[in-house]
């Protein structure tokens, strides 16, 4: 999340569960993760994404995609939701088709 007083690069829903890019919701990382664990997972994610660049053999790219998925799941950006109030997951949905539509429309 953004530091106090510095706006994030993309709008974040009021509940802190999603950020919005080009009208689509993307799940935020679990805020309950310790900072050191989150940093290690982000580093793993970035390393795996770097391995997807260029013209690597198919098996290297497949392994890198698997590592990306594992890191995103560990961060809470994919897989089971990290909140416990029973609210549904709107990850990857267009914000206009979710309960966040009015909030998002109010940003413009």
Protein backbone atom coordinates (compact mmCIF):
# COMPACT_ATOMS: atom_id res chain seq x y z
CA UNK A 1 0.00 0.00 0.00
CA UNK A 2 1.06 3.60 -0.46
CA UNK A 3 2.85 5.51 2.26
CA UNK A 4 0.80 8.05 4.20
CA UNK A 5 0.09 11.14 2.11
CA UNK A 6 1.30 9.57 -1.14
CA UNK A 7 -1.52 8.41 -3.43
CA UNK A 8 -1.17 4.89 -4.85
CA UNK A 9 -0.59 4.59 -8.60
CA UNK A 10 -4.04 2.98 -8.98
CA UNK A 11 -7.21 3.53 -6.95
CA UNK A 12 -7.65 1.10 -4.05
CA UNK A 13 -11.15 0.10 -2.95
CA UNK A 14 -12.26 1.52 0.40
CA UNK A 15 -11.96 -1.92 2.04
CA UNK A 16 -8.38 -2.33 0.75
CA UNK A 17 -9.13 -5.61 -1.02
CA UNK A 18 -8.59 -4.51 -4.63
CA UNK A 19 -6.89 -1.94 -6.80
CA UNK A 20 -8.32 -0.88 -10.17
CA UNK A 21 -6.47 -0.89 -13.49
CA UNK A 22 -8.34 0.14 -16.65
CA UNK A 23 -11.67 -0.51 -14.93
CA UNK A 24 -10.78 -4.01 -13.69
CA UNK A 25 -10.40 -5.11 -10.06
CA UNK A 26 -7.19 -6.86 -9.04
CA UNK A 27 -6.80 -8.39 -5.58
CA UNK A 28 -4.34 -6.76 -3.22
CA UNK A 29 -1.78 -8.75 -1.25
CA UNK A 30 -2.83 -9.91 2.20
CA UNK A 31 -2.11 -6.98 4.55
CA UNK A 32 -1.65 -9.41 7.46
CA UNK A 33 1.57 -10.79 5.97
CA UNK A 34 4.66 -9.71 7.91
CA UNK A 35 6.66 -7.14 5.94
CA UNK A 36 9.72 -9.41 5.67
CA UNK A 37 7.63 -12.30 4.32
CA UNK A 38 5.84 -10.02 1.85
CA UNK A 39 9.17 -8.61 0.63
CA UNK A 40 10.61 -12.11 0.14
CA UNK A 41 7.52 -13.19 -1.81
CA UNK A 42 7.60 -10.06 -3.98
CA UNK A 43 11.27 -10.75 -4.72
CA UNK A 44 10.40 -14.33 -5.73
CA UNK A 45 7.61 -13.00 -7.93
CA UNK A 46 9.89 -10.50 -9.66
CA UNK A 47 12.60 -13.12 -10.17
CA UNK A 48 10.07 -15.48 -11.77
CA UNK A 49 8.73 -12.71 -14.00
CA UNK A 50 12.26 -11.90 -15.16
CA UNK A 51 12.63 -15.55 -16.17
CA UNK A 52 9.63 -15.12 -18.46
CA UNK A 53 11.41 -12.48 -20.53
CA UNK A 54 13.32 -13.26 -23.67
CA UNK A 55 13.42 -16.49 -25.57
CA UNK A 56 13.82 -19.03 -22.84
CA UNK A 57 13.00 -22.69 -23.63
CA UNK A 58 9.40 -23.75 -23.06
CA UNK A 59 10.23 -25.77 -19.93
CA UNK A 60 12.00 -22.78 -18.33
CA UNK A 61 9.02 -20.54 -19.09
CA UNK A 62 6.57 -23.14 -17.72
CA UNK A 63 8.56 -23.39 -14.48
CA UNK A 64 8.66 -19.59 -14.23
CA UNK A 65 4.89 -19.35 -14.73
CA UNK A 66 4.44 -21.91 -11.94
CA UNK A 67 6.67 -19.83 -9.63
CA UNK A 68 4.69 -16.68 -10.47
CA UNK A 69 1.47 -18.47 -9.55
CA UNK A 70 2.93 -19.84 -6.30
CA UNK A 71 4.18 -16.40 -5.23
CA UNK A 72 0.86 -14.71 -6.08
CA UNK A 73 -1.04 -17.37 -4.10
CA UNK A 74 1.30 -16.95 -1.12
CA UNK A 75 0.77 -13.18 -1.29
CA UNK A 76 -3.00 -13.71 -1.31
CA UNK A 77 -3.49 -12.22 -4.78
CA UNK A 78 -4.83 -15.54 -6.12
CA UNK A 79 -6.48 -18.57 -4.59
CA UNK A 80 -8.58 -18.40 -1.43
CA UNK A 81 -9.41 -14.89 -0.25
CA UNK A 82 -7.55 -13.52 2.76
CA UNK A 83 -10.56 -11.87 4.39
CA UNK A 84 -12.91 -13.69 6.72
CA UNK A 85 -16.25 -11.88 6.52
CA UNK A 86 -17.69 -14.13 3.80
CA UNK A 87 -17.64 -11.41 1.11
CA UNK A 88 -17.28 -12.84 -2.41
CA UNK A 89 -14.17 -12.42 -4.52
CA UNK A 90 -14.42 -9.96 -7.43
CA UNK A 91 -10.82 -10.42 -8.60
CA UNK A 92 -10.38 -9.69 -12.33
CA UNK A 93 -13.98 -8.48 -12.69
CA UNK A 94 -14.90 -5.18 -14.28
CA UNK A 95 -15.53 -2.76 -11.42
CA UNK A 96 -18.73 -1.49 -13.08
CA UNK A 97 -20.26 -4.97 -12.61
CA UNK A 98 -19.52 -5.18 -8.88
CA UNK A 99 -20.70 -3.54 -5.65
CA UNK A 100 -17.73 -1.13 -6.06
CA UNK A 101 -19.31 0.51 -9.13
CA UNK A 102 -20.72 3.57 -7.33
CA UNK A 103 -17.47 4.14 -5.44
CA UNK A 104 -15.46 3.96 -8.65
CA UNK A 105 -17.86 6.23 -10.56
CA UNK A 106 -17.45 8.79 -7.76
CA UNK A 107 -13.69 8.97 -8.35
CA UNK A 108 -14.05 10.61 -11.76
